[in-house]
Amino acid sequence: MPIFEYKCDKCGNEFEEIVFGTPGIVKCPACGSDKTGKLMSCCRHKAGGPAADLGTAPAASAGGGGGCAGCSGGDCSSCG
């Protein structure tokens, strides 16, 4: 079941909603307004453990680029 993030245009409340099928009108749980907009959500998926546990170097370090905005090696605390 997909979870979408919304923001109320009336009161500014940000909330999540589980959506079944095609999303219809989503009301704000704080003020009841139906003037809400879907937010862009980031998706993150991690399979397995850290690269060191798998016996391989991180792909970003091996390639000399990539990583997140905070580093170039993919091995800082914000990437993990």
PDB file of N, CA and C in Angstrom:
ATOM      1  N   MET A   1       0.839  -1.174   0.000  1.00  0.00           N
ATOM      2  CA  MET A   1       0.000   0.000   0.000  1.00  0.00           C
ATOM      3  C   MET A   1       0.890   1.244   0.000  1.00  0.00           C
ATOM      4  N   PRO A   2       0.686   2.115  -0.947  1.00  0.00           N
ATOM      5  CA  PRO A   2       1.522   3.315  -0.979  1.00  0.00           C
ATOM      6  C   PRO A   2       1.110   4.334   0.081  1.00  0.00           C
ATOM      7  N   ILE A   3       2.115   4.980   0.639  1.00  0.00           N
ATOM      8  CA  ILE A   3       1.899   6.066   1.590  1.00  0.00           C
ATOM      9  C   ILE A   3       2.334   7.342   0.894  1.00  0.00           C
ATOM     10  N   PHE A   4       1.437   8.311   0.806  1.00  0.00           N
ATOM     11  CA  PHE A   4       1.745   9.586   0.179  1.00  0.00           C
ATOM     12  C   PHE A   4       1.845  10.661   1.250  1.00  0.00           C
ATOM     13  N   GLU A   5       2.691  11.655   0.999  1.00  0.00           N
ATOM     14  CA  GLU A   5       2.829  12.793   1.887  1.00  0.00           C
ATOM     15  C   GLU A   5       2.058  13.964   1.290  1.00  0.00           C
ATOM     16  N   TYR A   6       1.339  14.672   2.148  1.00  0.00           N
ATOM     17  CA  TYR A   6       0.526  15.815   1.730  1.00  0.00           C
ATOM     18  C   TYR A   6       0.824  17.011   2.607  1.00  0.00           C
ATOM     19  N   LYS A   7       0.482  18.195   2.080  1.00  0.00           N
ATOM     20  CA  LYS A   7       0.563  19.427   2.854  1.00  0.00           C
ATOM     21  C   LYS A   7      -0.734  20.188   2.651  1.00  0.00           C
ATOM     22  N   CYS A   8      -1.294  20.666   3.750  1.00  0.00           N
ATOM     23  CA  CYS A   8      -2.536  21.422   3.701  1.00  0.00           C
ATOM     24  C   CYS A   8      -2.231  22.856   3.282  1.00  0.00           C
ATOM     25  N   ASP A   9      -2.944  23.334   2.255  1.00  0.00           N
ATOM     26  CA  ASP A   9      -2.762  24.716   1.786  1.00  0.00           C
ATOM     27  C   ASP A   9      -3.351  25.720   2.767  1.00  0.00           C
ATOM     28  N   LYS A  10      -4.293  25.290   3.586  1.00  0.00           N
ATOM     29  CA  LYS A  10      -4.960  26.205   4.514  1.00  0.00           C
ATOM     30  C   LYS A  10      -4.167  26.409   5.809  1.00  0.00           C
ATOM     31  N   CYS A  11      -3.757  25.309   6.463  1.00  0.00           N
ATOM     32  CA  CYS A  11      -3.087  25.452   7.770  1.00  0.00           C
ATOM     33  C   CYS A  11      -1.599  25.086   7.744  1.00  0.00           C
ATOM     34  N   GLY A  12      -1.107  24.526   6.625  1.00  0.00           N
ATOM     35  CA  GLY A  12       0.313  24.192   6.512  1.00  0.00           C
ATOM     36  C   GLY A  12       0.706  22.862   7.121  1.00  0.00           C
ATOM     37  N   ASN A  13      -0.257  22.113   7.645  1.00  0.00           N
ATOM     38  CA  ASN A  13       0.024  20.819   8.251  1.00  0.00           C
ATOM     39  C   ASN A  13       0.543  19.835   7.201  1.00  0.00           C
ATOM     40  N   GLU A  14       1.632  19.138   7.517  1.00  0.00           N
ATOM     41  CA  GLU A  14       2.144  18.072   6.652  1.00  0.00           C
ATOM     42  C   GLU A  14       1.774  16.743   7.287  1.00  0.00           C
ATOM     43  N   PHE A  15       1.253  15.823   6.474  1.00  0.00           N
ATOM     44  CA  PHE A  15       0.794  14.545   6.998  1.00  0.00           C
ATOM     45  C   PHE A  15       0.943  13.463   5.933  1.00  0.00           C
ATOM     46  N   GLU A  16       0.854  12.214   6.373  1.00  0.00           N
ATOM     47  CA  GLU A  16       0.939  11.061   5.484  1.00  0.00           C
ATOM     48  C   GLU A  16      -0.422  10.392   5.409  1.00  0.00           C
ATOM     49  N   GLU A  17      -0.707   9.807   4.263  1.00  0.00           N
ATOM     50  CA  GLU A  17      -1.986   9.133   4.056  1.00  0.00           C
ATOM     51  C   GLU A  17      -1.746   7.849   3.263  1.00  0.00           C
ATOM     52  N   ILE A  18      -2.291   6.739   3.746  1.00  0.00           N
ATOM     53  CA  ILE A  18      -2.253   5.492   2.986  1.00  0.00           C
ATOM     54  C   ILE A  18      -3.343   5.587   1.937  1.00  0.00           C
ATOM     55  N   VAL A  19      -2.996   5.316   0.691  1.00  0.00           N
ATOM     56  CA  VAL A  19      -3.954   5.476  -0.403  1.00  0.00           C
ATOM     57  C   VAL A  19      -4.226   4.117  -1.044  1.00  0.00           C
ATOM     58  N   PHE A  20      -5.489   3.770  -1.137  1.00  0.00           N
ATOM     59  CA  PHE A  20      -5.921   2.551  -1.805  1.00  0.00           C
ATOM     60  C   PHE A  20      -6.426   2.928  -3.190  1.00  0.00           C
ATOM     61  N   GLY A  21      -5.866   2.367  -4.245  1.00  0.00           N
ATOM     62  CA  GLY A  21      -6.300   2.686  -5.603  1.00  0.00           C
ATOM     63  C   GLY A  21      -5.892   4.094  -6.004  1.00  0.00           C
ATOM     64  N   THR A  22      -6.751   4.764  -6.750  1.00  0.00           N
ATOM     65  CA  THR A  22      -6.478   6.119  -7.214  1.00  0.00           C
ATOM     66  C   THR A  22      -6.814   7.112  -6.113  1.00  0.00           C
ATOM     67  N   PRO A  23      -5.836   7.998  -5.761  1.00  0.00           N
ATOM     68  CA  PRO A  23      -6.126   8.964  -4.694  1.00  0.00           C
ATOM     69  C   PRO A  23      -7.228   9.932  -5.113  1.00  0.00           C
ATOM     70  N   GLY A  24      -8.186  10.135  -4.238  1.00  0.00           N
ATOM     71  CA  GLY A  24      -9.253  11.104  -4.467  1.00  0.00           C
ATOM     72  C   GLY A  24      -8.943  12.365  -3.681  1.00  0.00           C
ATOM     73  N   ILE A  25      -9.960  12.981  -3.140  1.00  0.00           N
ATOM     74  CA  ILE A  25      -9.771  14.168  -2.307  1.00  0.00           C
ATOM     75  C   ILE A  25      -9.257  13.713  -0.950  1.00  0.00           C
ATOM     76  N   VAL A  26      -8.155  14.307  -0.531  1.00  0.00           N
ATOM     77  CA  VAL A  26      -7.554  13.973   0.756  1.00  0.00           C
ATOM     78  C   VAL A  26      -7.736  15.168   1.682  1.00  0.00           C
ATOM     79  N   LYS A  27      -8.397  14.944   2.816  1.00  0.00           N
ATOM     80  CA  LYS A  27      -8.651  16.022   3.764  1.00  0.00           C
ATOM     81  C   LYS A  27      -7.566  16.079   4.829  1.00  0.00           C
ATOM     82  N   CYS A  28      -7.262  17.301   5.258  1.00  0.00           N
ATOM     83  CA  CYS A  28      -6.268  17.522   6.313  1.00  0.00           C
ATOM     84  C   CYS A  28      -6.827  17.020   7.637  1.00  0.00           C
ATOM     85  N   PRO A  29      -6.063  16.186   8.366  1.00  0.00           N
ATOM     86  CA  PRO A  29      -6.553  15.690   9.647  1.00  0.00           C
ATOM     87  C   PRO A  29      -6.569  16.773  10.733  1.00  0.00           C
ATOM     88  N   ALA A  30      -5.825  17.867  10.536  1.00  0.00           N
ATOM     89  CA  ALA A  30      -5.762  18.916  11.546  1.00  0.00           C
ATOM     90  C   ALA A  30      -6.938  19.892  11.452  1.00  0.00           C
ATOM     91  N   CYS A  31      -7.248  20.347  10.226  1.00  0.00           N
ATOM     92  CA  CYS A  31      -8.298  21.364  10.090  1.00  0.00           C
ATOM     93  C   CYS A  31      -9.487  20.919   9.256  1.00  0.00           C
ATOM     94  N   GLY A  32      -9.388  19.757   8.582  1.00  0.00           N
ATOM     95  CA  GLY A  32     -10.499  19.240   7.790  1.00  0.00           C
ATOM     96  C   GLY A  32     -10.600  19.808   6.387  1.00  0.00           C
ATOM     97  N   SER A  33      -9.688  20.678   5.997  1.00  0.00           N
ATOM     98  CA  SER A  33      -9.724  21.277   4.671  1.00  0.00           C
ATOM     99  C   SER A  33      -9.428  20.233   3.603  1.00  0.00           C
ATOM    100  N   ASP A  34     -10.083  20.377   2.433  1.00  0.00           N
ATOM    101  CA  ASP A  34      -9.782  19.480   1.325  1.00  0.00           C
ATOM    102  C   ASP A  34      -8.817  20.139   0.336  1.00  0.00           C
ATOM    103  N   LYS A  35      -8.254  21.263   0.726  1.00  0.00           N
ATOM    104  CA  LYS A  35      -7.270  21.957  -0.114  1.00  0.00           C
ATOM    105  C   LYS A  35      -5.867  21.485   0.282  1.00  0.00           C
ATOM    106  N   THR A  36      -5.537  20.283  -0.184  1.00  0.00           N
ATOM    107  CA  THR A  36      -4.242  19.678   0.131  1.00  0.00           C
ATOM    108  C   THR A  36      -3.506  19.368  -1.166  1.00  0.00           C
ATOM    109  N   GLY A  37      -2.191  19.320  -1.085  1.00  0.00           N
ATOM    110  CA  GLY A  37      -1.378  18.976  -2.247  1.00  0.00           C
ATOM    111  C   GLY A  37      -0.396  17.880  -1.890  1.00  0.00           C
ATOM    112  N   LYS A  38      -0.148  17.020  -2.861  1.00  0.00           N
ATOM    113  CA  LYS A  38       0.789  15.920  -2.640  1.00  0.00           C
ATOM    114  C   LYS A  38       2.213  16.467  -2.696  1.00  0.00           C
ATOM    115  N   LEU A  39       3.047  16.051  -1.749  1.00  0.00           N
ATOM    116  CA  LEU A  39       4.448  16.455  -1.711  1.00  0.00           C
ATOM    117  C   LEU A  39       5.310  15.441  -2.443  1.00  0.00           C
ATOM    118  N   MET A  40       6.438  15.887  -2.935  1.00  0.00           N
ATOM    119  CA  MET A  40       7.410  14.988  -3.548  1.00  0.00           C
ATOM    120  C   MET A  40       8.119  14.251  -2.427  1.00  0.00           C
ATOM    121  N   SER A  41       8.095  12.944  -2.475  1.00  0.00           N
ATOM    122  CA  SER A  41       8.710  12.130  -1.438  1.00  0.00           C
ATOM    123  C   SER A  41       9.987  11.497  -1.947  1.00  0.00           C
ATOM    124  N   CYS A  42      10.920  11.336  -1.043  1.00  0.00           N
ATOM    125  CA  CYS A  42      12.156  10.614  -1.366  1.00  0.00           C
ATOM    126  C   CYS A  42      11.949   9.156  -0.976  1.00  0.00           C
ATOM    127  N   CYS A  43      12.489   8.298  -1.756  1.00  0.00           N
ATOM    128  CA  CYS A  43      12.387   6.877  -1.469  1.00  0.00           C
ATOM    129  C   CYS A  43      13.796   6.348  -1.250  1.00  0.00           C
ATOM    130  N   ARG A  44      13.965   5.538  -0.232  1.00  0.00           N
ATOM    131  CA  ARG A  44      15.277   4.974   0.046  1.00  0.00           C
ATOM    132  C   ARG A  44      15.097   3.500   0.348  1.00  0.00           C
ATOM    133  N   HIS A  45      15.940   2.709  -0.276  1.00  0.00           N
ATOM    134  CA  HIS A  45      15.903   1.276  -0.051  1.00  0.00           C
ATOM    135  C   HIS A  45      17.329   0.798   0.137  1.00  0.00           C
ATOM    136  N   LYS A  46      17.546  -0.016   1.146  1.00  0.00           N
ATOM    137  CA  LYS A  46      18.880  -0.535   1.404  1.00  0.00           C
ATOM    138  C   LYS A  46      18.764  -2.042   1.581  1.00  0.00           C
ATOM    139  N   ALA A  47      19.509  -2.771   0.789  1.00  0.00           N
ATOM    140  CA  ALA A  47      19.522  -4.223   0.897  1.00  0.00           C
ATOM    141  C   ALA A  47      20.830  -4.662   1.532  1.00  0.00           C
ATOM    142  N   GLY A  48      20.764  -5.594   2.445  1.00  0.00           N
ATOM    143  CA  GLY A  48      21.975  -6.077   3.093  1.00  0.00           C
ATOM    144  C   GLY A  48      22.484  -5.094   4.126  1.00  0.00           C
ATOM    145  N   GLY A  49      23.721  -5.262   4.528  1.00  0.00           N
ATOM    146  CA  GLY A  49      24.330  -4.383   5.519  1.00  0.00           C
ATOM    147  C   GLY A  49      25.301  -3.425   4.877  1.00  0.00           C
ATOM    148  N   PRO A  50      26.108  -2.758   5.691  1.00  0.00           N
ATOM    149  CA  PRO A  50      27.120  -1.854   5.143  1.00  0.00           C
ATOM    150  C   PRO A  50      28.079  -2.611   4.227  1.00  0.00           C
ATOM    151  N   ALA A  51      28.672  -1.895   3.278  1.00  0.00           N
ATOM    152  CA  ALA A  51      29.560  -2.522   2.303  1.00  0.00           C
ATOM    153  C   ALA A  51      30.730  -3.236   2.977  1.00  0.00           C
ATOM    154  N   ALA A  52      31.208  -2.698   4.100  1.00  0.00           N
ATOM    155  CA  ALA A  52      32.329  -3.322   4.804  1.00  0.00           C
ATOM    156  C   ALA A  52      31.940  -4.710   5.313  1.00  0.00           C
ATOM    157  N   ASP A  53      30.679  -4.865   5.706  1.00  0.00           N
ATOM    158  CA  ASP A  53      30.208  -6.163   6.183  1.00  0.00           C
ATOM    159  C   ASP A  53      30.121  -7.185   5.055  1.00  0.00           C
ATOM    160  N   LEU A  54      29.959  -6.713   3.820  1.00  0.00           N
ATOM    161  CA  LEU A  54      29.848  -7.607   2.684  1.00  0.00           C
ATOM    162  C   LEU A  54      31.206  -7.941   2.076  1.00  0.00           C
ATOM    163  N   GLY A  55      32.263  -7.282   2.598  1.00  0.00           N
ATOM    164  CA  GLY A  55      33.600  -7.552   2.086  1.00  0.00           C
ATOM    165  C   GLY A  55      33.916  -6.827   0.792  1.00  0.00           C
ATOM    166  N   THR A  56      33.141  -5.819   0.449  1.00  0.00           N
ATOM    167  CA  THR A  56      33.396  -5.046  -0.763  1.00  0.00           C
ATOM    168  C   THR A  56      33.424  -3.575  -0.433  1.00  0.00           C
ATOM    169  N   ALA A  57      34.142  -2.812  -1.229  1.00  0.00           N
ATOM    170  CA  ALA A  57      34.188  -1.366  -1.051  1.00  0.00           C
ATOM    171  C   ALA A  57      32.907  -0.765  -1.616  1.00  0.00           C
ATOM    172  N   PRO A  58      32.467   0.383  -1.076  1.00  0.00           N
ATOM    173  CA  PRO A  58      31.289   1.037  -1.642  1.00  0.00           C
ATOM    174  C   PRO A  58      31.531   1.402  -3.095  1.00  0.00           C
ATOM    175  N   ALA A  59      30.537   1.222  -3.927  1.00  0.00           N
ATOM    176  CA  ALA A  59      30.668   1.511  -5.356  1.00  0.00           C
ATOM    177  C   ALA A  59      31.046   2.957  -5.597  1.00  0.00           C
ATOM    178  N   ALA A  60      30.524   3.886  -4.785  1.00  0.00           N
ATOM    179  CA  ALA A  60      30.827   5.297  -4.984  1.00  0.00           C
ATOM    180  C   ALA A  60      32.309   5.563  -4.726  1.00  0.00           C
ATOM    181  N   SER A  61      32.898   4.882  -3.722  1.00  0.00           N
ATOM    182  CA  SER A  61      34.314   5.080  -3.439  1.00  0.00           C
ATOM    183  C   SER A  61      35.172   4.476  -4.533  1.00  0.00           C
ATOM    184  N   ALA A  62      34.787   3.308  -4.990  1.00  0.00           N
ATOM    185  CA  ALA A  62      35.573   2.639  -6.015  1.00  0.00           C
ATOM    186  C   ALA A  62      35.568   3.419  -7.317  1.00  0.00           C
ATOM    187  N   GLY A  63      34.435   4.088  -7.614  1.00  0.00           N
ATOM    188  CA  GLY A  63      34.326   4.838  -8.854  1.00  0.00           C
ATOM    189  C   GLY A  63      34.826   6.259  -8.734  1.00  0.00           C
ATOM    190  N   GLY A  64      35.083   6.727  -7.520  1.00  0.00           N
ATOM    191  CA  GLY A  64      35.586   8.077  -7.328  1.00  0.00           C
ATOM    192  C   GLY A  64      34.519   9.143  -7.476  1.00  0.00           C
ATOM    193  N   GLY A  65      33.270   8.817  -7.229  1.00  0.00           N
ATOM    194  CA  GLY A  65      32.222   9.826  -7.310  1.00  0.00           C
ATOM    195  C   GLY A  65      30.964   9.299  -6.685  1.00  0.00           C
ATOM    196  N   GLY A  66      29.874   9.989  -6.877  1.00  0.00           N
ATOM    197  CA  GLY A  66      28.599   9.565  -6.321  1.00  0.00           C
ATOM    198  C   GLY A  66      28.465   9.981  -4.891  1.00  0.00           C
ATOM    199  N   GLY A  67      27.863   9.154  -4.098  1.00  0.00           N
ATOM    200  CA  GLY A  67      27.638   9.489  -2.707  1.00  0.00           C
ATOM    201  C   GLY A  67      26.489  10.469  -2.571  1.00  0.00           C
ATOM    202  N   CYS A  68      26.392  11.075  -1.421  1.00  0.00           N
ATOM    203  CA  CYS A  68      25.323  12.038  -1.178  1.00  0.00           C
ATOM    204  C   CYS A  68      25.865  13.449  -1.296  1.00  0.00           C
ATOM    205  N   ALA A  69      25.047  14.405  -0.960  1.00  0.00           N
ATOM    206  CA  ALA A  69      25.472  15.805  -1.050  1.00  0.00           C
ATOM    207  C   ALA A  69      26.538  16.135  -0.001  1.00  0.00           C
ATOM    208  N   GLY A  70      26.615  15.334   1.064  1.00  0.00           N
ATOM    209  CA  GLY A  70      27.556  15.619   2.145  1.00  0.00           C
ATOM    210  C   GLY A  70      28.938  15.034   1.928  1.00  0.00           C
ATOM    211  N   CYS A  71      29.100  14.097   1.009  1.00  0.00           N
ATOM    212  CA  CYS A  71      30.402  13.495   0.766  1.00  0.00           C
ATOM    213  C   CYS A  71      30.471  12.976  -0.661  1.00  0.00           C
ATOM    214  N   SER A  72      31.630  12.492  -1.041  1.00  0.00           N
ATOM    215  CA  SER A  72      31.750  11.946  -2.400  1.00  0.00           C
ATOM    216  C   SER A  72      32.003  10.445  -2.385  1.00  0.00           C
ATOM    217  N   GLY A  73      32.110   9.878  -1.203  1.00  0.00           N
ATOM    218  CA  GLY A  73      32.453   8.466  -1.131  1.00  0.00           C
ATOM    219  C   GLY A  73      31.322   7.537  -0.752  1.00  0.00           C
ATOM    220  N   GLY A  74      30.201   8.075  -0.314  1.00  0.00           N
ATOM    221  CA  GLY A  74      29.101   7.220   0.091  1.00  0.00           C
ATOM    222  C   GLY A  74      29.371   6.500   1.390  1.00  0.00           C
ATOM    223  N   ASP A  75      30.273   7.043   2.226  1.00  0.00           N
ATOM    224  CA  ASP A  75      30.670   6.338   3.437  1.00  0.00           C
ATOM    225  C   ASP A  75      30.563   7.230   4.665  1.00  0.00           C
ATOM    226  N   CYS A  76      29.819   8.337   4.584  1.00  0.00           N
ATOM    227  CA  CYS A  76      29.678   9.205   5.750  1.00  0.00           C
ATOM    228  C   CYS A  76      28.435   8.809   6.536  1.00  0.00           C
ATOM    229  N   SER A  77      28.214   9.399   7.666  1.00  0.00           N
ATOM    230  CA  SER A  77      27.088   9.023   8.505  1.00  0.00           C
ATOM    231  C   SER A  77      25.746   9.366   7.870  1.00  0.00           C
ATOM    232  N   SER A  78      25.700  10.368   7.000  1.00  0.00           N
ATOM    233  CA  SER A  78      24.417  10.708   6.383  1.00  0.00           C
ATOM    234  C   SER A  78      24.073   9.788   5.221  1.00  0.00           C
ATOM    235  N   CYS A  79      25.051   9.038   4.691  1.00  0.00           N
ATOM    236  CA  CYS A  79      24.771   8.096   3.615  1.00  0.00           C
ATOM    237  C   CYS A  79      24.343   6.747   4.153  1.00  0.00           C
ATOM    238  N   GLY A  80      24.740   6.426   5.350  1.00  0.00           N
ATOM    239  CA  GLY A  80      24.596   5.087   5.868  1.00  0.00           C
ATOM    240  C   GLY A  80      23.274   4.723   6.350  1.00  0.00           C
TER     241      GLY A  80
END
